[in-house]
Amino acid sequence: MVTVVAVAIGGYAAPLILLAFLVVPAAFVAGVLGHATRLALAVSLPLVVSVALVSILTRPGETVLFELGPLQATLEGVDFAAQVTLRIVVMAMTLVLFALTTEPSAIVADLERRGVSQRVTFAIAAALDAVPAMLDRARAVTAAQRARGLDTEGSVAARLRALPSLAGPVVLSSLAEVEERSLALDARGFGRLGPREPLWAPAEATWEPAVRWLLLAALAAALLARVFSPPAGLQ
């Protein structure tokens, strides 16, 4: 919801309020503020740099700050880039916080409990597990290849030569894991029709449904506000 509101309303006030009064306090309470901040900045930095360069140098405006060949950096472009950068940071911080504080198994179990298709829940779980599993597999392959004498920490040329020896086992092991998962799912009756009874569901406090409805109402209000009064700087 935070990401949708940050994009829908835009400007400076709404993303800053969400970041200062919702995302940062939640990360602090969860004890992952520093880790979440570092990850969010690392994830969003390439996109922020790209957006800033394109927006500042290509967005037309009346106030020209400097010229770079045929390109003109305008104050309007700087303002637009700053607003988009703030949105990206809020979105990255929110998604990283969600990933650090929510177990994929809890998401899958809760979705199944609410009647979501098992194929959809499996796709979500696979997407959430893909990157961590790939990183773990890459670390294991790198350690194994080092034990065999492969130079993975030398010069740039040496690292490039070692890349095929690292990428090949990672890809092959990923394909093997896909086959193992498919067999395991078939053995557990993944394609079976009819109702399913989950064996475990995440605990839910009595006040959480009310908070969810309140957040949905706030999201609807934010979307209506964006439709009827779009920010002047982003039109």
C-alpha atoms as a PDB file:
ATOM      1  CA  MET A   1       0.000   0.000   0.000  1.00  0.00           C
ATOM      2  CA  VAL A   2       2.842   2.374   0.839  1.00  0.00           C
ATOM      3  CA  THR A   3       4.360   1.950  -2.624  1.00  0.00           C
ATOM      4  CA  VAL A   4       1.023   2.574  -4.352  1.00  0.00           C
ATOM      5  CA  VAL A   5       0.325   5.705  -2.295  1.00  0.00           C
ATOM      6  CA  ALA A   6       3.851   7.041  -2.876  1.00  0.00           C
ATOM      7  CA  VAL A   7       3.422   6.661  -6.640  1.00  0.00           C
ATOM      8  CA  ALA A   8      -0.198   7.805  -6.768  1.00  0.00           C
ATOM      9  CA  ILE A   9       0.133  11.025  -4.775  1.00  0.00           C
ATOM     10  CA  GLY A  10       3.698  11.959  -5.641  1.00  0.00           C
ATOM     11  CA  GLY A  11       5.154  15.299  -4.694  1.00  0.00           C
ATOM     12  CA  TYR A  12       7.379  15.621  -1.667  1.00  0.00           C
ATOM     13  CA  ALA A  13       5.016  15.686   1.301  1.00  0.00           C
ATOM     14  CA  ALA A  14       3.270  12.307   0.965  1.00  0.00           C
ATOM     15  CA  PRO A  15       6.390  10.150   0.347  1.00  0.00           C
ATOM     16  CA  LEU A  16       8.283  11.926   3.138  1.00  0.00           C
ATOM     17  CA  ILE A  17       5.386  11.424   5.561  1.00  0.00           C
ATOM     18  CA  LEU A  18       5.163   7.734   4.654  1.00  0.00           C
ATOM     19  CA  LEU A  19       8.911   7.320   5.042  1.00  0.00           C
ATOM     20  CA  ALA A  20       9.251   9.242   8.303  1.00  0.00           C
ATOM     21  CA  PHE A  21       6.110   8.109  10.119  1.00  0.00           C
ATOM     22  CA  LEU A  22       5.474   4.609   8.769  1.00  0.00           C
ATOM     23  CA  VAL A  23       8.394   2.889   7.025  1.00  0.00           C
ATOM     24  CA  VAL A  24      11.305   4.049   9.205  1.00  0.00           C
ATOM     25  CA  PRO A  25       9.494   3.468  12.548  1.00  0.00           C
ATOM     26  CA  ALA A  26       8.428   0.002  11.367  1.00  0.00           C
ATOM     27  CA  ALA A  27      12.003  -0.856  10.400  1.00  0.00           C
ATOM     28  CA  PHE A  28      13.261   0.470  13.750  1.00  0.00           C
ATOM     29  CA  VAL A  29      10.749  -1.588  15.724  1.00  0.00           C
ATOM     30  CA  ALA A  30      11.684  -4.685  13.701  1.00  0.00           C
ATOM     31  CA  GLY A  31      15.368  -4.067  14.415  1.00  0.00           C
ATOM     32  CA  VAL A  32      16.407  -3.950  10.749  1.00  0.00           C
ATOM     33  CA  LEU A  33      16.614  -0.199  10.121  1.00  0.00           C
ATOM     34  CA  GLY A  34      20.324  -0.097   9.263  1.00  0.00           C
ATOM     35  CA  HIS A  35      20.272  -3.266   7.178  1.00  0.00           C
ATOM     36  CA  ALA A  36      17.102  -2.235   5.342  1.00  0.00           C
ATOM     37  CA  THR A  37      18.486   1.229   4.600  1.00  0.00           C
ATOM     38  CA  ARG A  38      21.723  -0.144   3.146  1.00  0.00           C
ATOM     39  CA  LEU A  39      19.917  -2.681   0.989  1.00  0.00           C
ATOM     40  CA  ALA A  40      17.345  -0.143  -0.215  1.00  0.00           C
ATOM     41  CA  LEU A  41      20.034   2.333  -1.230  1.00  0.00           C
ATOM     42  CA  ALA A  42      22.043  -0.375  -3.001  1.00  0.00           C
ATOM     43  CA  VAL A  43      18.972  -1.608  -4.894  1.00  0.00           C
ATOM     44  CA  SER A  44      17.654   1.812  -5.854  1.00  0.00           C
ATOM     45  CA  LEU A  45      20.953   3.561  -6.676  1.00  0.00           C
ATOM     46  CA  PRO A  46      21.296   2.405 -10.327  1.00  0.00           C
ATOM     47  CA  LEU A  47      17.692   3.317 -11.093  1.00  0.00           C
ATOM     48  CA  VAL A  48      17.982   6.652  -9.282  1.00  0.00           C
ATOM     49  CA  VAL A  49      21.104   7.603 -11.239  1.00  0.00           C
ATOM     50  CA  SER A  50      19.456   6.695 -14.548  1.00  0.00           C
ATOM     51  CA  VAL A  51      16.253   8.577 -13.767  1.00  0.00           C
ATOM     52  CA  ALA A  52      18.157  11.627 -12.547  1.00  0.00           C
ATOM     53  CA  LEU A  53      20.341  11.864 -15.644  1.00  0.00           C
ATOM     54  CA  VAL A  54      17.468  11.383 -18.072  1.00  0.00           C
ATOM     55  CA  SER A  55      15.099  13.730 -16.246  1.00  0.00           C
ATOM     56  CA  ILE A  56      17.570  16.544 -15.632  1.00  0.00           C
ATOM     57  CA  LEU A  57      19.054  16.558 -19.129  1.00  0.00           C
ATOM     58  CA  THR A  58      15.987  15.860 -21.261  1.00  0.00           C
ATOM     59  CA  ARG A  59      12.970  17.331 -19.463  1.00  0.00           C
ATOM     60  CA  PRO A  60      12.051  20.713 -20.992  1.00  0.00           C
ATOM     61  CA  GLY A  61      11.761  23.761 -18.776  1.00  0.00           C
ATOM     62  CA  GLU A  62      12.067  27.519 -18.647  1.00  0.00           C
ATOM     63  CA  THR A  63      14.982  27.750 -16.184  1.00  0.00           C
ATOM     64  CA  VAL A  64      18.182  26.394 -17.768  1.00  0.00           C
ATOM     65  CA  LEU A  65      20.900  25.572 -15.243  1.00  0.00           C
ATOM     66  CA  PHE A  66      23.657  24.522 -17.665  1.00  0.00           C
ATOM     67  CA  GLU A  67      24.145  23.054 -21.125  1.00  0.00           C
ATOM     68  CA  LEU A  68      25.904  19.835 -22.014  1.00  0.00           C
ATOM     69  CA  GLY A  69      26.285  19.796 -25.777  1.00  0.00           C
ATOM     70  CA  PRO A  70      22.796  19.596 -27.281  1.00  0.00           C
ATOM     71  CA  LEU A  71      21.280  18.809 -23.865  1.00  0.00           C
ATOM     72  CA  GLN A  72      20.016  21.346 -21.374  1.00  0.00           C
ATOM     73  CA  ALA A  73      19.717  20.770 -17.635  1.00  0.00           C
ATOM     74  CA  THR A  74      16.642  22.576 -16.362  1.00  0.00           C
ATOM     75  CA  LEU A  75      15.368  23.394 -12.899  1.00  0.00           C
ATOM     76  CA  GLU A  76      12.106  21.689 -13.786  1.00  0.00           C
ATOM     77  CA  GLY A  77      14.060  18.536 -14.634  1.00  0.00           C
ATOM     78  CA  VAL A  78      15.843  18.669 -11.277  1.00  0.00           C
ATOM     79  CA  ASP A  79      12.504  19.024  -9.487  1.00  0.00           C
ATOM     80  CA  PHE A  80      11.001  16.112 -11.405  1.00  0.00           C
ATOM     81  CA  ALA A  81      14.085  13.943 -10.786  1.00  0.00           C
ATOM     82  CA  ALA A  82      13.987  14.722  -7.055  1.00  0.00           C
ATOM     83  CA  GLN A  83      10.332  13.720  -6.790  1.00  0.00           C
ATOM     84  CA  VAL A  84      10.837  10.480  -8.714  1.00  0.00           C
ATOM     85  CA  THR A  85      13.965   9.684  -6.681  1.00  0.00           C
ATOM     86  CA  LEU A  86      12.020  10.108  -3.458  1.00  0.00           C
ATOM     87  CA  ARG A  87       9.328   7.746  -4.728  1.00  0.00           C
ATOM     88  CA  ILE A  88      11.904   5.140  -5.723  1.00  0.00           C
ATOM     89  CA  VAL A  89      13.625   5.299  -2.327  1.00  0.00           C
ATOM     90  CA  VAL A  90      10.316   4.903  -0.489  1.00  0.00           C
ATOM     91  CA  MET A  91       9.322   1.967  -2.678  1.00  0.00           C
ATOM     92  CA  ALA A  92      12.726   0.277  -2.294  1.00  0.00           C
ATOM     93  CA  MET A  93      12.743   0.780   1.470  1.00  0.00           C
ATOM     94  CA  THR A  94       9.219  -0.616   1.770  1.00  0.00           C
ATOM     95  CA  LEU A  95       9.881  -3.692  -0.351  1.00  0.00           C
ATOM     96  CA  VAL A  96      13.187  -4.426   1.406  1.00  0.00           C
ATOM     97  CA  LEU A  97      11.521  -4.068   4.804  1.00  0.00           C
ATOM     98  CA  PHE A  98       8.782  -6.452   3.708  1.00  0.00           C
ATOM     99  CA  ALA A  99      11.338  -8.994   2.495  1.00  0.00           C
ATOM    100  CA  LEU A 100      13.380  -8.792   5.703  1.00  0.00           C
ATOM    101  CA  THR A 101      10.445  -9.125   8.091  1.00  0.00           C
ATOM    102  CA  THR A 102       8.118 -11.572   6.303  1.00  0.00           C
ATOM    103  CA  GLU A 103       8.782 -15.259   5.788  1.00  0.00           C
ATOM    104  CA  PRO A 104       7.795 -16.567   2.331  1.00  0.00           C
ATOM    105  CA  SER A 105       6.146 -19.571   3.984  1.00  0.00           C
ATOM    106  CA  ALA A 106       3.895 -17.251   6.004  1.00  0.00           C
ATOM    107  CA  ILE A 107       2.835 -15.390   2.839  1.00  0.00           C
ATOM    108  CA  VAL A 108       2.038 -18.617   1.010  1.00  0.00           C
ATOM    109  CA  ALA A 109       0.115 -20.096   3.946  1.00  0.00           C
ATOM    110  CA  ASP A 110      -1.926 -16.932   4.434  1.00  0.00           C
ATOM    111  CA  LEU A 111      -2.770 -16.675   0.733  1.00  0.00           C
ATOM    112  CA  GLU A 112      -3.864 -20.312   0.631  1.00  0.00           C
ATOM    113  CA  ARG A 113      -5.983 -19.769   3.749  1.00  0.00           C
ATOM    114  CA  ARG A 114      -7.749 -16.904   1.974  1.00  0.00           C
ATOM    115  CA  GLY A 115      -8.604 -19.038  -1.035  1.00  0.00           C
ATOM    116  CA  VAL A 116      -5.929 -17.951  -3.508  1.00  0.00           C
ATOM    117  CA  SER A 117      -5.133 -20.530  -6.182  1.00  0.00           C
ATOM    118  CA  GLN A 118      -2.342 -22.901  -5.276  1.00  0.00           C
ATOM    119  CA  ARG A 119      -0.632 -22.227  -8.593  1.00  0.00           C
ATOM    120  CA  VAL A 120      -0.570 -18.504  -7.837  1.00  0.00           C
ATOM    121  CA  THR A 121       0.796 -19.086  -4.348  1.00  0.00           C
ATOM    122  CA  PHE A 122       3.465 -21.410  -5.696  1.00  0.00           C
ATOM    123  CA  ALA A 123       4.514 -18.800  -8.278  1.00  0.00           C
ATOM    124  CA  ILE A 124       4.776 -16.169  -5.534  1.00  0.00           C
ATOM    125  CA  ALA A 125       6.783 -18.487  -3.278  1.00  0.00           C
ATOM    126  CA  ALA A 126       9.119 -19.430  -6.137  1.00  0.00           C
ATOM    127  CA  ALA A 127       9.705 -15.772  -6.986  1.00  0.00           C
ATOM    128  CA  LEU A 128      10.449 -14.894  -3.364  1.00  0.00           C
ATOM    129  CA  ASP A 129      12.837 -17.827  -2.944  1.00  0.00           C
ATOM    130  CA  ALA A 130      14.576 -17.465  -6.300  1.00  0.00           C
ATOM    131  CA  VAL A 131      17.117 -14.744  -5.480  1.00  0.00           C
ATOM    132  CA  PRO A 132      18.171 -16.012  -2.009  1.00  0.00           C
ATOM    133  CA  ALA A 133      18.444 -19.578  -3.333  1.00  0.00           C
ATOM    134  CA  MET A 134      20.508 -18.425  -6.309  1.00  0.00           C
ATOM    135  CA  LEU A 135      22.861 -16.451  -4.043  1.00  0.00           C
ATOM    136  CA  ASP A 136      23.333 -19.413  -1.699  1.00  0.00           C
ATOM    137  CA  ARG A 137      23.994 -21.704  -4.645  1.00  0.00           C
ATOM    138  CA  ALA A 138      26.502 -19.232  -6.121  1.00  0.00           C
ATOM    139  CA  ARG A 139      28.373 -19.031  -2.802  1.00  0.00           C
ATOM    140  CA  ALA A 140      28.527 -22.828  -2.549  1.00  0.00           C
ATOM    141  CA  VAL A 141      29.764 -23.188  -6.134  1.00  0.00           C
ATOM    142  CA  THR A 142      32.367 -20.445  -5.638  1.00  0.00           C
ATOM    143  CA  ALA A 143      33.687 -22.094  -2.475  1.00  0.00           C
ATOM    144  CA  ALA A 144      33.856 -25.478  -4.202  1.00  0.00           C
ATOM    145  CA  GLN A 145      35.700 -24.072  -7.205  1.00  0.00           C
ATOM    146  CA  ARG A 146      38.179 -22.260  -4.979  1.00  0.00           C
ATOM    147  CA  ALA A 147      38.890 -25.524  -3.202  1.00  0.00           C
ATOM    148  CA  ARG A 148      39.730 -26.974  -6.625  1.00  0.00           C
ATOM    149  CA  GLY A 149      42.256 -24.190  -7.283  1.00  0.00           C
ATOM    150  CA  LEU A 150      40.137 -21.820  -9.399  1.00  0.00           C
ATOM    151  CA  ASP A 151      41.231 -18.177  -9.111  1.00  0.00           C
ATOM    152  CA  THR A 152      38.133 -16.132  -8.280  1.00  0.00           C
ATOM    153  CA  GLU A 153      39.780 -13.236  -6.421  1.00  0.00           C
ATOM    154  CA  GLY A 154      42.623 -12.227  -8.696  1.00  0.00           C
ATOM    155  CA  SER A 155      42.692  -9.665 -11.489  1.00  0.00           C
ATOM    156  CA  VAL A 156      39.702  -8.711 -13.586  1.00  0.00           C
ATOM    157  CA  ALA A 157      40.925 -10.948 -16.421  1.00  0.00           C
ATOM    158  CA  ALA A 158      41.246 -13.908 -14.045  1.00  0.00           C
ATOM    159  CA  ARG A 159      37.748 -13.375 -12.718  1.00  0.00           C
ATOM    160  CA  LEU A 160      36.351 -13.207 -16.239  1.00  0.00           C
ATOM    161  CA  ARG A 161      38.098 -16.476 -17.113  1.00  0.00           C
ATOM    162  CA  ALA A 162      36.606 -18.073 -13.995  1.00  0.00           C
ATOM    163  CA  LEU A 163      33.080 -16.881 -14.799  1.00  0.00           C
ATOM    164  CA  PRO A 164      32.062 -19.837 -17.054  1.00  0.00           C
ATOM    165  CA  SER A 165      33.270 -22.285 -14.415  1.00  0.00           C
ATOM    166  CA  LEU A 166      31.033 -20.570 -11.872  1.00  0.00           C
ATOM    167  CA  ALA A 167      27.977 -19.822 -14.003  1.00  0.00           C
ATOM    168  CA  GLY A 168      27.698 -23.308 -15.506  1.00  0.00           C
ATOM    169  CA  PRO A 169      27.278 -25.231 -12.230  1.00  0.00           C
ATOM    170  CA  VAL A 170      24.904 -22.589 -10.862  1.00  0.00           C
ATOM    171  CA  VAL A 171      22.607 -22.842 -13.890  1.00  0.00           C
ATOM    172  CA  LEU A 172      22.739 -26.652 -14.007  1.00  0.00           C
ATOM    173  CA  SER A 173      22.024 -26.970 -10.285  1.00  0.00           C
ATOM    174  CA  SER A 174      19.101 -24.544 -10.648  1.00  0.00           C
ATOM    175  CA  LEU A 175      17.609 -26.701 -13.421  1.00  0.00           C
ATOM    176  CA  ALA A 176      18.090 -29.817 -11.297  1.00  0.00           C
ATOM    177  CA  GLU A 177      16.335 -28.138  -8.385  1.00  0.00           C
ATOM    178  CA  VAL A 178      13.388 -27.239 -10.614  1.00  0.00           C
ATOM    179  CA  GLU A 179      13.011 -30.897 -11.570  1.00  0.00           C
ATOM    180  CA  GLU A 180      13.261 -31.976  -7.921  1.00  0.00           C
ATOM    181  CA  ARG A 181      10.598 -29.465  -6.934  1.00  0.00           C
ATOM    182  CA  SER A 182       8.296 -30.660  -9.690  1.00  0.00           C
ATOM    183  CA  LEU A 183       8.608 -34.268  -8.539  1.00  0.00           C
ATOM    184  CA  ALA A 184       8.063 -33.270  -4.924  1.00  0.00           C
ATOM    185  CA  LEU A 185       4.955 -31.269  -5.811  1.00  0.00           C
ATOM    186  CA  ASP A 186       3.512 -34.145  -7.823  1.00  0.00           C
ATOM    187  CA  ALA A 187       4.142 -36.523  -4.920  1.00  0.00           C
ATOM    188  CA  ARG A 188       2.237 -34.158  -2.617  1.00  0.00           C
ATOM    189  CA  GLY A 189      -0.769 -33.904  -4.907  1.00  0.00           C
ATOM    190  CA  PHE A 190      -0.142 -30.352  -6.084  1.00  0.00           C
ATOM    191  CA  GLY A 191      -2.551 -30.641  -9.010  1.00  0.00           C
ATOM    192  CA  ARG A 192      -5.320 -32.269  -7.002  1.00  0.00           C
ATOM    193  CA  LEU A 193      -8.727 -30.647  -7.447  1.00  0.00           C
ATOM    194  CA  GLY A 194     -11.078 -29.760  -4.628  1.00  0.00           C
ATOM    195  CA  PRO A 195     -10.735 -27.833  -1.367  1.00  0.00           C
ATOM    196  CA  ARG A 196      -7.469 -27.846   0.563  1.00  0.00           C
ATOM    197  CA  GLU A 197      -6.996 -27.664   4.321  1.00  0.00           C
ATOM    198  CA  PRO A 198      -3.818 -25.826   5.362  1.00  0.00           C
ATOM    199  CA  LEU A 199      -1.979 -27.434   8.262  1.00  0.00           C
ATOM    200  CA  TRP A 200      -0.609 -24.113   9.520  1.00  0.00           C
ATOM    201  CA  ALA A 201      -1.545 -20.460   9.219  1.00  0.00           C
ATOM    202  CA  PRO A 202       0.245 -17.376  10.577  1.00  0.00           C
ATOM    203  CA  ALA A 203      -1.209 -15.971  13.784  1.00  0.00           C
ATOM    204  CA  GLU A 204      -3.370 -12.892  13.377  1.00  0.00           C
ATOM    205  CA  ALA A 205      -4.200 -10.360  16.076  1.00  0.00           C
ATOM    206  CA  THR A 206      -7.803  -9.261  16.527  1.00  0.00           C
ATOM    207  CA  TRP A 207      -7.008  -5.692  15.483  1.00  0.00           C
ATOM    208  CA  GLU A 208      -5.274  -6.579  12.195  1.00  0.00           C
ATOM    209  CA  PRO A 209      -8.450  -6.859  10.030  1.00  0.00           C
ATOM    210  CA  ALA A 210      -9.553  -3.384  11.142  1.00  0.00           C
ATOM    211  CA  VAL A 211      -6.111  -1.975  10.313  1.00  0.00           C
ATOM    212  CA  ARG A 212      -6.214  -3.591   6.864  1.00  0.00           C
ATOM    213  CA  TRP A 213      -9.590  -2.063   6.082  1.00  0.00           C
ATOM    214  CA  LEU A 214      -8.346   1.291   7.334  1.00  0.00           C
ATOM    215  CA  LEU A 215      -5.300   1.079   5.090  1.00  0.00           C
ATOM    216  CA  LEU A 216      -7.457   0.126   2.099  1.00  0.00           C
ATOM    217  CA  ALA A 217      -9.699   3.117   2.788  1.00  0.00           C
ATOM    218  CA  ALA A 218      -6.633   5.366   2.976  1.00  0.00           C
ATOM    219  CA  LEU A 219      -5.383   3.912  -0.303  1.00  0.00           C
ATOM    220  CA  ALA A 220      -8.732   4.578  -2.004  1.00  0.00           C
ATOM    221  CA  ALA A 221      -8.731   8.146  -0.680  1.00  0.00           C
ATOM    222  CA  ALA A 222      -5.178   8.688  -1.938  1.00  0.00           C
ATOM    223  CA  LEU A 223      -6.055   7.416  -5.398  1.00  0.00           C
ATOM    224  CA  LEU A 224      -9.124   9.645  -5.566  1.00  0.00           C
ATOM    225  CA  ALA A 225      -7.050  12.622  -4.454  1.00  0.00           C
ATOM    226  CA  ARG A 226      -4.510  11.881  -7.173  1.00  0.00           C
ATOM    227  CA  VAL A 227      -7.199  11.601  -9.857  1.00  0.00           C
ATOM    228  CA  PHE A 228      -8.996  14.834  -8.996  1.00  0.00           C
ATOM    229  CA  SER A 229      -5.955  16.951  -8.044  1.00  0.00           C
ATOM    230  CA  PRO A 230      -2.815  15.738  -9.816  1.00  0.00           C
ATOM    231  CA  PRO A 231       0.462  17.346  -8.703  1.00  0.00           C
ATOM    232  CA  ALA A 232       1.329  20.281 -10.912  1.00  0.00           C
ATOM    233  CA  GLY A 233       5.018  19.329 -11.115  1.00  0.00           C
ATOM    234  CA  LEU A 234       4.345  15.885 -12.602  1.00  0.00           C
ATOM    235  CA  GLN A 235       1.658  16.622 -15.159  1.00  0.00           C
END
